[in-house]
C-alpha cells in the first residue's frame, strides 16, 4: 500500500490517489455513456406504447444482472485482476447495448428488450465497481474515505449529471435512438483511459490457480455468515440508492401532473446530482473526521428519509414551482451522498484477506438497489400509488439508520468492551 507522506502530488493532497487518476477520469466518461438514458428511458417507452409496469419490469430485469455483476466484481478482481474484470464489463455492455438499441427498440420487441437490456446490465458494475475495489487496495486507510468520495463523485457525475445534461441536449438535436447509439463512443473512450492510459500496478497474491480463484468466489458468499456486519452493510447499501432507481419510473409522471414536463425534469434531475457529486466529496471528508458510521446514519439515512417525503409534498403545496422543487431535490441528493463513507467503512470491518469479499457484498447491494427500486414500483405502484411509494422509500431510509448503528469498527468494539469491563470493576 502506498505511503501517503512520500512523493505527494496535488491530487494526493485533495484525496485522489495520483497513481489512479486516469482511472477516475475513465470512470467518469464511461458512466456518462452508460447512464445517458437512465432518467428518460421509462417515459420514452411509455410514450411508445409500454405500460408503466412493463417499463418498471424491464428496468428490474436490468437490475438483476447489475446485482449479479456487482457481487462478482470484488471477487473477480482478486481472482483475475481489475483490468481483465473491467474489460469483461466493457465487452458485455457493448454486446447488450447494440442488440437492445439496434434490434429490440426499433420494433418495440418487448420479449427481446428484456434479455438484451439485462445483458447490458453486466457492464458497468464489472467496470466501475472493479475500479472501486482497486481504490480500496491502493489507498491508505487515513485517505480512504476521501478517495472513495472522489470515486462516487466521478461515478455519479457521469451517470446522473453529464448523462442527463447531455441527453437533454442530444434528444432535441438528434433524437432518442441516435442519442442511445452515441453511448458506444463514450463508454469506449472511458474504457481507454481507465484500462490503458491508467498504468497503476495491481499485484495479485498467489491466486492464479483454479482452486484459489474458486475459493475467492466462495468467499464472496461465506463472508455473510462469518461477518454479519458485512451483511448489514450490504442491506444499507441497497436502501441507499433504491429511490434513485425508483424515482425515474414514476416521479416524472407525477411531476407532469404538477405542471413540470419531462425535459424540465431532466434538468432538475441533473441539478439534483450536481449537488450529490459535490457532497460526495464533502461527506467523504466529513466521514474521515466525524466518523464513517455517524455520517452514514445521520446525514445519509435520516436525511434521505426526510427529503424523500418532501419530494412528494412540496410539489403539491407549491404547484409548478421549479426552483423550490429543485432545491428540495438538491437537498435529497446531498443526503444521498451521506452514504459515501460506507465504501470505506465496510472493508474496514474485516481483515485484509476479506476486503475483496466485503466489497463484493457492498457492490452487490449497489447492484440490488437497481433491482429493488424498480421492483418496488412494479409491485406497489397500482396498490399504493405515488404517495404510498414515497412513504415506503422513506421508511426504508429510517430503517437503514437503525441498522447502521450496528456497524462498529473492530477497534470501536474493543473500546466499548474495555469501558464495560472498567464499569463492572468499579
Protein backbone atom coordinates (compact mmCIF):
# COMPACT_ATOMS: atom_id res chain seq x y z
CA UNK A 1 0.00 0.00 0.00
CA UNK A 2 1.42 3.41 -0.96
CA UNK A 3 2.77 5.74 1.70
CA UNK A 4 0.69 8.93 1.88
CA UNK A 5 3.59 11.04 3.13
CA UNK A 6 6.05 10.22 0.35
CA UNK A 7 6.05 11.83 -3.09
CA UNK A 8 2.72 13.57 -2.54
CA UNK A 9 1.23 15.34 -5.54
CA UNK A 10 -1.60 17.86 -5.70
CA UNK A 11 -4.01 15.02 -6.47
CA UNK A 12 -2.87 13.11 -3.39
CA UNK A 13 -3.41 16.18 -1.24
CA UNK A 14 -7.03 16.58 -2.39
CA UNK A 15 -7.70 12.89 -1.84
CA UNK A 16 -7.28 11.34 -5.32
CA UNK A 17 -4.54 8.69 -5.43
CA UNK A 18 -2.30 10.11 -8.17
CA UNK A 19 -1.46 6.62 -9.43
CA UNK A 20 -5.16 6.05 -10.24
CA UNK A 21 -6.08 9.50 -11.60
CA UNK A 22 -6.66 8.37 -15.20
CA UNK A 23 -8.88 5.59 -13.89
CA UNK A 24 -11.11 8.13 -12.17
CA UNK A 25 -11.39 10.12 -15.41
CA UNK A 26 -12.18 6.97 -17.38
CA UNK A 27 -14.98 6.00 -14.98
CA UNK A 28 -16.49 9.50 -15.36
CA UNK A 29 -16.68 9.21 -19.16
CA UNK A 30 -17.75 5.55 -19.15
CA UNK A 31 -20.62 6.23 -16.75
CA UNK A 32 -21.75 9.23 -18.80
CA UNK A 33 -22.29 6.90 -21.75
CA UNK A 34 -23.75 4.11 -19.68
CA UNK A 35 -26.31 6.28 -17.87
CA UNK A 36 -27.37 8.75 -20.51
CA UNK A 37 -30.83 7.14 -20.90
CA UNK A 38 -31.46 6.47 -17.20
CA UNK A 39 -33.70 9.46 -16.47
CA UNK A 40 -35.82 9.24 -19.64
CA UNK A 41 -35.99 5.64 -20.86
CA UNK A 42 -39.17 4.89 -18.88
CA UNK A 43 -41.32 7.84 -20.07
CA UNK A 44 -39.95 7.33 -23.61
CA UNK A 45 -41.01 3.67 -23.69
CA UNK A 46 -44.38 4.51 -22.10
CA UNK A 47 -44.95 7.10 -24.86
CA UNK A 48 -44.04 4.40 -27.40
CA UNK A 49 -46.71 2.06 -26.05
CA UNK A 50 -45.41 0.20 -22.98
CA UNK A 51 -47.19 0.42 -19.63
CA UNK A 52 -45.52 1.85 -16.52
CA UNK A 53 -45.38 -1.68 -15.10
CA UNK A 54 -43.73 -3.06 -18.26
CA UNK A 55 -41.12 -0.29 -18.20
CA UNK A 56 -40.52 -0.97 -14.50
CA UNK A 57 -40.17 -4.73 -15.12
CA UNK A 58 -37.67 -4.04 -17.91
CA UNK A 59 -35.57 -1.94 -15.55
CA UNK A 60 -35.96 -4.60 -12.86
CA UNK A 61 -34.50 -7.28 -15.15
CA UNK A 62 -31.64 -4.88 -15.83
CA UNK A 63 -31.18 -4.54 -12.08
CA UNK A 64 -30.94 -8.33 -11.60
CA UNK A 65 -27.88 -8.60 -13.83
CA UNK A 66 -26.39 -5.47 -12.30
CA UNK A 67 -26.70 -7.10 -8.88
CA UNK A 68 -25.02 -10.31 -10.07
CA UNK A 69 -22.20 -8.40 -11.75
CA UNK A 70 -21.78 -6.11 -8.75
CA UNK A 71 -21.31 -9.10 -6.44
CA UNK A 72 -18.85 -10.69 -8.86
CA UNK A 73 -16.80 -7.51 -9.26
CA UNK A 74 -14.88 -7.74 -5.99
CA UNK A 75 -14.05 -11.44 -6.10
CA UNK A 76 -13.20 -11.32 -9.83
CA UNK A 77 -10.72 -8.52 -9.15
CA UNK A 78 -8.99 -10.69 -6.57
CA UNK A 79 -9.06 -13.73 -8.86
CA UNK A 80 -8.17 -12.15 -12.22
CA UNK A 81 -7.19 -8.53 -11.56
CA UNK A 82 -9.09 -5.28 -12.20
CA UNK A 83 -8.12 -4.75 -15.84
CA UNK A 84 -9.49 -8.10 -17.02
CA UNK A 85 -12.63 -7.59 -14.95
CA UNK A 86 -13.19 -4.09 -16.35
CA UNK A 87 -12.57 -5.26 -19.93
CA UNK A 88 -15.14 -8.02 -19.49
CA UNK A 89 -17.65 -5.41 -18.33
CA UNK A 90 -16.99 -3.26 -21.40
CA UNK A 91 -17.49 -6.17 -23.83
CA UNK A 92 -20.73 -7.34 -22.21
CA UNK A 93 -22.08 -3.79 -22.18
CA UNK A 94 -21.36 -3.27 -25.89
CA UNK A 95 -22.97 -6.55 -26.93
CA UNK A 96 -26.12 -5.92 -24.89
CA UNK A 97 -26.40 -2.26 -25.89
CA UNK A 98 -26.01 -2.90 -29.63
CA UNK A 99 -28.67 -5.63 -29.55
CA UNK A 100 -31.02 -3.55 -27.38
CA UNK A 101 -30.81 -0.36 -29.47
CA UNK A 102 -30.33 -2.00 -32.86
CA UNK A 103 -32.90 -4.80 -32.74
CA UNK A 104 -35.25 -4.54 -29.74
CA UNK A 105 -36.25 -0.87 -29.52
CA UNK A 106 -36.92 -0.09 -33.22
CA UNK A 107 -39.60 -2.81 -33.39
CA UNK A 108 -40.71 -2.34 -29.77
CA UNK A 109 -39.98 -6.06 -29.34
CA UNK A 110 -40.58 -6.37 -25.58
CA UNK A 111 -39.53 -10.03 -25.35
CA UNK A 112 -36.17 -9.09 -26.88
CA UNK A 113 -35.83 -5.91 -24.84
CA UNK A 114 -35.69 -7.81 -21.56
CA UNK A 115 -32.70 -10.13 -22.25
CA UNK A 116 -30.70 -7.54 -24.21
CA UNK A 117 -31.17 -4.78 -21.64
CA UNK A 118 -30.35 -7.33 -18.93
CA UNK A 119 -27.14 -8.35 -20.73
CA UNK A 120 -26.20 -4.68 -20.92
CA UNK A 121 -26.57 -4.57 -17.14
CA UNK A 122 -23.46 -6.70 -16.62
CA UNK A 123 -21.36 -3.87 -17.99
CA UNK A 124 -20.96 -1.00 -15.58
CA UNK A 125 -20.69 -2.97 -12.29
CA UNK A 126 -17.82 -5.07 -13.63
CA UNK A 127 -16.21 -1.91 -14.94
CA UNK A 128 -16.81 0.72 -12.27
CA UNK A 129 -17.05 -1.39 -9.10
CA UNK A 130 -13.91 -3.31 -10.05
CA UNK A 131 -12.16 0.06 -10.11
CA UNK A 132 -13.64 0.86 -6.68
CA UNK A 133 -12.06 -2.35 -5.31
CA UNK A 134 -8.80 -1.26 -6.94
CA UNK A 135 -9.06 2.01 -4.99
CA UNK A 136 -9.64 0.27 -1.64
CA UNK A 137 -6.48 -1.80 -2.10
CA UNK A 138 -4.23 1.00 -3.32
CA UNK A 139 -5.21 3.82 -0.92
CA UNK A 140 -4.01 4.40 2.69
CA UNK A 141 -6.83 3.99 5.23
CA UNK A 142 -6.44 7.56 6.51
CA UNK A 143 -7.27 8.79 3.00
CA UNK A 144 -9.75 6.09 2.03
CA UNK A 145 -12.96 7.98 2.86
CA UNK A 146 -11.93 10.88 0.64
CA UNK A 147 -10.68 8.58 -2.14
CA UNK A 148 -14.00 6.70 -2.34
CA UNK A 149 -15.76 10.07 -2.16
CA UNK A 150 -13.94 11.04 -5.35
CA UNK A 151 -14.95 7.70 -6.87
CA UNK A 152 -18.64 8.39 -6.22
CA UNK A 153 -18.08 11.94 -7.47
CA UNK A 154 -16.98 10.72 -10.90
CA UNK A 155 -19.41 7.75 -10.90
CA UNK A 156 -22.47 9.88 -10.17
CA UNK A 157 -21.16 12.83 -12.15
CA UNK A 158 -21.07 10.66 -15.25
CA UNK A 159 -24.19 8.58 -14.60
CA UNK A 160 -26.64 11.21 -13.39
CA UNK A 161 -25.22 14.64 -14.26
CA UNK A 162 -23.27 14.55 -17.52
CA UNK A 163 -25.54 11.79 -18.84
CA UNK A 164 -28.72 13.74 -18.01
CA UNK A 165 -27.48 17.09 -19.35
CA UNK A 166 -26.03 15.53 -22.48
CA UNK A 167 -29.33 13.71 -23.10
CA UNK A 168 -31.41 16.86 -22.62
CA UNK A 169 -29.40 18.42 -25.48
CA UNK A 170 -28.94 15.34 -27.67
CA UNK A 171 -32.59 14.22 -27.64
CA UNK A 172 -33.62 17.57 -29.13
CA UNK A 173 -30.68 17.70 -31.53
CA UNK A 174 -30.54 14.14 -32.89
CA UNK A 175 -33.43 12.18 -31.33
CA UNK A 176 -33.78 9.39 -28.78
CA UNK A 177 -32.34 6.46 -30.74
CA UNK A 178 -29.23 8.27 -32.08
CA UNK A 179 -28.62 9.54 -28.55
CA UNK A 180 -28.52 5.95 -27.31
CA UNK A 181 -26.17 4.97 -30.14
CA UNK A 182 -23.76 7.73 -29.08
CA UNK A 183 -23.29 5.87 -25.78
CA UNK A 184 -21.00 3.42 -27.58
CA UNK A 185 -18.50 6.20 -28.24
CA UNK A 186 -18.49 7.45 -24.66
CA UNK A 187 -18.03 4.06 -22.99
CA UNK A 188 -15.16 3.16 -25.31
CA UNK A 189 -13.39 6.46 -24.61
CA UNK A 190 -13.85 5.96 -20.87
CA UNK A 191 -12.54 2.39 -21.02
CA UNK A 192 -9.47 3.55 -22.96
CA UNK A 193 -8.46 5.95 -20.19
CA UNK A 194 -9.33 3.68 -17.25
CA UNK A 195 -7.78 0.48 -18.57
CA UNK A 196 -4.99 1.52 -20.94
CA UNK A 197 -3.87 5.07 -20.03
CA UNK A 198 -4.11 4.21 -16.32
CA UNK A 199 -0.78 2.45 -15.68
CA UNK A 200 -1.12 1.63 -11.97
CA UNK A 201 0.08 -1.85 -11.00
CA UNK A 202 -2.24 -4.20 -9.13
CA UNK A 203 -0.43 -7.26 -7.84
CA UNK A 204 -2.35 -10.45 -7.13
CA UNK A 205 -1.17 -12.54 -4.20
CA UNK A 206 -0.73 -16.12 -5.46
CA UNK A 207 -4.34 -16.58 -6.53
CA UNK A 208 -3.70 -17.83 -10.02
CA UNK A 209 -4.73 -21.46 -9.60
CA UNK A 210 -8.27 -22.57 -10.39
CA UNK A 211 -8.78 -23.71 -6.78
CA UNK A 212 -7.76 -20.34 -5.38
CA UNK A 213 -9.99 -18.49 -7.82
CA UNK A 214 -12.91 -20.71 -6.82
CA UNK A 215 -12.17 -20.02 -3.16
CA UNK A 216 -12.35 -16.29 -3.84
CA UNK A 217 -15.81 -16.71 -5.39
CA UNK A 218 -16.99 -18.86 -2.46
CA UNK A 219 -15.54 -16.33 -0.01
CA UNK A 220 -17.84 -13.73 -1.53
CA UNK A 221 -20.75 -15.75 -0.10
CA UNK A 222 -19.41 -17.29 3.12
CA UNK A 223 -18.34 -13.91 4.46
CA UNK A 224 -22.02 -13.19 5.16
CA UNK A 225 -22.00 -15.91 7.84
CA UNK A 226 -18.55 -15.13 9.22
CA UNK A 227 -19.05 -11.37 9.30
CA UNK A 228 -22.76 -10.50 9.89
CA UNK A 229 -21.92 -6.77 9.93
CA UNK A 230 -20.94 -7.03 6.26
CA UNK A 231 -24.44 -8.38 5.52
CA UNK A 232 -25.97 -5.40 7.36
CA UNK A 233 -23.77 -3.03 5.36
CA UNK A 234 -25.00 -4.68 2.15
CA UNK A 235 -28.63 -4.10 3.14
CA UNK A 236 -27.95 -0.46 4.00
CA UNK A 237 -26.26 -0.10 0.60
CA UNK A 238 -29.42 -1.40 -1.11
CA UNK A 239 -31.52 1.17 0.74
CA UNK A 240 -29.03 3.92 -0.17
CA UNK A 241 -29.95 4.19 -3.86
CA UNK A 242 -33.23 2.27 -4.17
CA UNK A 243 -35.13 5.54 -4.52
CA UNK A 244 -32.65 6.83 -7.11
CA UNK A 245 -33.67 3.99 -9.43
CA UNK A 246 -37.34 4.06 -8.44
CA UNK A 247 -37.92 7.80 -8.91
CA UNK A 248 -37.32 7.97 -12.69
CA UNK A 249 -40.07 5.37 -13.25
CA UNK A 250 -42.92 7.29 -11.64
CA UNK A 251 -41.77 10.71 -10.42
CA UNK A 252 -41.64 12.35 -13.91
CA UNK A 253 -45.24 11.22 -14.45
CA UNK A 254 -46.29 12.58 -11.05
CA UNK A 255 -44.47 15.88 -11.61
CA UNK A 256 -46.04 16.23 -15.07
CA UNK A 257 -49.41 16.30 -13.30
CA UNK A 258 -47.97 19.11 -11.14
CA UNK A 259 -47.02 21.18 -14.21
CA UNK A 260 -43.41 20.05 -14.76
CA UNK A 261 -42.67 18.43 -18.13
CA UNK A 262 -40.13 15.66 -18.82
CA UNK A 263 -37.46 17.93 -20.37
CA UNK A 264 -37.65 20.18 -17.31
CA UNK A 265 -37.48 17.08 -15.11
CA UNK A 266 -34.25 16.05 -16.82
CA UNK A 267 -32.66 19.37 -15.91
CA UNK A 268 -33.94 19.09 -12.32
CA UNK A 269 -32.54 15.53 -12.15
CA UNK A 270 -29.18 16.73 -13.43
CA UNK A 271 -29.18 19.60 -10.92
CA UNK A 272 -30.01 17.19 -8.08
CA UNK A 273 -26.88 15.21 -8.88
CA UNK A 274 -24.68 18.26 -9.18
CA UNK A 275 -25.47 18.66 -5.51
CA UNK A 276 -24.91 14.95 -4.99
CA UNK A 277 -21.46 14.83 -6.57
CA UNK A 278 -20.34 17.92 -4.62
CA UNK A 279 -21.44 16.30 -1.36
CA UNK A 280 -19.80 13.02 -2.35
CA UNK A 281 -16.55 14.86 -1.75
CA UNK A 282 -17.78 16.74 1.31
CA UNK A 283 -19.12 13.66 3.05
CA UNK A 284 -16.02 11.67 2.13
CA UNK A 285 -14.03 14.27 4.08
CA UNK A 286 -16.66 14.60 6.83
CA UNK A 287 -16.68 10.80 7.24
CA UNK A 288 -12.92 10.76 7.83
CA UNK A 289 -13.34 13.44 10.54
CA UNK A 290 -16.83 12.93 12.05
CA UNK A 291 -16.85 9.16 11.77
CA UNK A 292 -17.94 6.96 8.88
CA UNK A 293 -20.81 5.34 10.79
CA UNK A 294 -22.20 8.63 12.15
CA UNK A 295 -22.11 10.24 8.72
CA UNK A 296 -24.00 7.37 7.08
CA UNK A 297 -26.59 7.18 9.87
CA UNK A 298 -27.49 10.85 10.33
CA UNK A 299 -26.68 12.64 7.08
CA UNK A 300 -27.37 9.69 4.79
CA UNK A 301 -30.25 7.62 6.13
CA UNK A 302 -32.19 10.12 8.25
CA UNK A 303 -31.62 12.99 5.82
CA UNK A 304 -32.77 10.99 2.80
CA UNK A 305 -35.89 9.81 4.65
CA UNK A 306 -36.95 13.37 5.44
CA UNK A 307 -36.33 14.82 1.98
CA UNK A 308 -37.91 11.85 0.19
CA UNK A 309 -41.21 12.77 1.86
CA UNK A 310 -40.69 16.44 0.98
CA UNK A 311 -40.15 15.48 -2.68
CA UNK A 312 -43.77 14.33 -2.69
CA UNK A 313 -45.50 17.00 -0.60
CA UNK A 314 -43.69 20.16 -1.74
CA UNK A 315 -44.90 19.89 -5.40
CA UNK A 316 -48.48 19.63 -4.11
CA UNK A 317 -48.22 22.73 -1.95
CA UNK A 318 -46.17 24.76 -4.44
CA UNK A 319 -47.50 23.53 -7.78
CA UNK A 320 -45.17 24.18 -10.69
CA UNK A 321 -42.53 25.91 -8.53
CA UNK A 322 -39.45 24.59 -10.30
CA UNK A 323 -36.99 26.46 -8.07
CA UNK A 324 -38.38 25.10 -4.79
CA UNK A 325 -38.79 21.56 -6.11
CA UNK A 326 -35.24 21.69 -7.46
CA UNK A 327 -33.97 22.91 -4.06
CA UNK A 328 -35.64 20.04 -2.19
CA UNK A 329 -34.22 17.66 -4.79
CA UNK A 330 -30.73 19.07 -4.29
CA UNK A 331 -31.01 18.55 -0.53
CA UNK A 332 -32.16 14.98 -1.13
CA UNK A 333 -29.23 14.45 -3.49
CA UNK A 334 -26.83 15.88 -0.90
CA UNK A 335 -28.10 13.45 1.74
CA UNK A 336 -27.82 10.59 -0.75
CA UNK A 337 -24.09 11.29 -0.68
CA UNK A 338 -24.10 10.81 3.08
CA UNK A 339 -23.77 7.06 2.41
CA UNK A 340 -20.37 7.54 0.72
CA UNK A 341 -18.33 6.55 3.83
CA UNK A 342 -19.99 3.12 3.69
CA UNK A 343 -17.43 2.23 0.98
CA UNK A 344 -14.63 2.97 3.46
CA UNK A 345 -16.42 1.52 6.50
CA UNK A 346 -17.33 -1.90 5.05
CA UNK A 347 -13.85 -3.19 4.08
CA UNK A 348 -12.55 -1.83 7.39
CA UNK A 349 -14.93 -4.14 9.28
CA UNK A 350 -12.84 -7.16 8.22
CA UNK A 351 -9.21 -8.24 7.87
CA UNK A 352 -7.07 -7.71 4.77
CA UNK A 353 -7.83 -11.18 3.40
CA UNK A 354 -11.57 -10.47 3.32
CA UNK A 355 -11.62 -6.93 1.93
CA UNK A 356 -12.41 -8.05 -1.61
CA UNK A 357 -15.24 -10.29 -0.40
CA UNK A 358 -16.61 -7.48 1.80
CA UNK A 359 -16.55 -5.10 -1.16
CA UNK A 360 -18.32 -7.73 -3.26
CA UNK A 361 -21.21 -7.72 -0.78
CA UNK A 362 -21.26 -3.92 -0.74
CA UNK A 363 -21.19 -3.87 -4.54
CA UNK A 364 -23.96 -6.48 -4.55
CA UNK A 365 -26.02 -4.02 -2.51
CA UNK A 366 -25.21 -1.29 -5.04
CA UNK A 367 -26.42 -3.60 -7.80
CA UNK A 368 -29.51 -4.79 -5.95
CA UNK A 369 -30.73 -1.22 -5.47
CA UNK A 370 -31.04 -1.02 -9.27
CA UNK A 371 -33.28 -4.09 -8.99
CA UNK A 372 -35.12 -3.24 -5.77
CA UNK A 373 -36.06 0.32 -6.76
CA UNK A 374 -37.88 -0.63 -9.99
CA UNK A 375 -39.26 -3.81 -8.36
CA UNK A 376 -40.95 -1.71 -5.66
CA UNK A 377 -42.58 0.37 -8.39
CA UNK A 378 -43.67 -2.69 -10.38
CA UNK A 379 -45.14 -4.37 -7.28
CA UNK A 380 -46.75 -1.45 -5.45
CA UNK A 381 -47.48 1.37 -7.91
CA UNK A 382 -51.02 0.17 -8.64
CA UNK A 383 -51.69 -0.69 -4.99
CA UNK A 384 -50.47 2.38 -3.10
CA UNK A 385 -49.76 4.99 -5.77
CA UNK A 386 -47.11 7.71 -5.69
CA UNK A 387 -47.80 8.80 -2.12
CA UNK A 388 -47.54 5.26 -0.77
CA UNK A 389 -44.31 4.61 -2.64
CA UNK A 390 -42.72 7.77 -1.25
CA UNK A 391 -43.64 6.75 2.31
CA UNK A 392 -42.34 3.23 1.66
CA UNK A 393 -38.98 4.55 0.44
CA UNK A 394 -38.73 6.99 3.37
CA UNK A 395 -39.46 4.14 5.80
CA UNK A 396 -36.62 2.12 4.33
CA UNK A 397 -34.22 5.02 4.95
CA UNK A 398 -35.26 5.29 8.59
CA UNK A 399 -34.80 1.52 8.98
CA UNK A 400 -31.35 1.89 7.42
CA UNK A 401 -30.42 4.46 10.08
CA UNK A 402 -31.20 1.93 12.81
CA UNK A 403 -29.19 -0.82 11.07
CA UNK A 404 -26.17 1.45 10.66
CA UNK A 405 -25.90 1.76 14.45
CA UNK A 406 -24.56 -1.83 14.49
CA UNK A 407 -21.68 -1.17 12.04
CA UNK A 408 -18.93 -0.63 14.60
CA UNK A 409 -15.28 -0.96 13.62
CA UNK A 410 -13.27 -3.70 15.45
CA UNK A 411 -11.33 -1.10 17.44
CA UNK A 412 -14.59 0.59 18.45
CA UNK A 413 -15.96 -2.71 19.76
CA UNK A 414 -12.75 -3.33 21.74
CA UNK A 415 -13.00 0.16 23.22
CA UNK A 416 -16.63 -0.44 24.23
CA UNK A 417 -15.73 -3.79 25.81
CA UNK A 418 -12.90 -2.18 27.80
CA UNK A 419 -15.24 0.55 29.06
CA UNK A 420 -17.80 -2.07 30.07
CA UNK A 421 -15.14 -4.03 31.96
CA UNK A 422 -13.97 -0.85 33.68
CA UNK A 423 -17.52 -0.07 34.80
CA UNK A 424 -18.00 -3.61 36.11
CA UNK A 425 -14.80 -3.35 38.17
CA UNK A 426 -15.97 -0.07 39.68
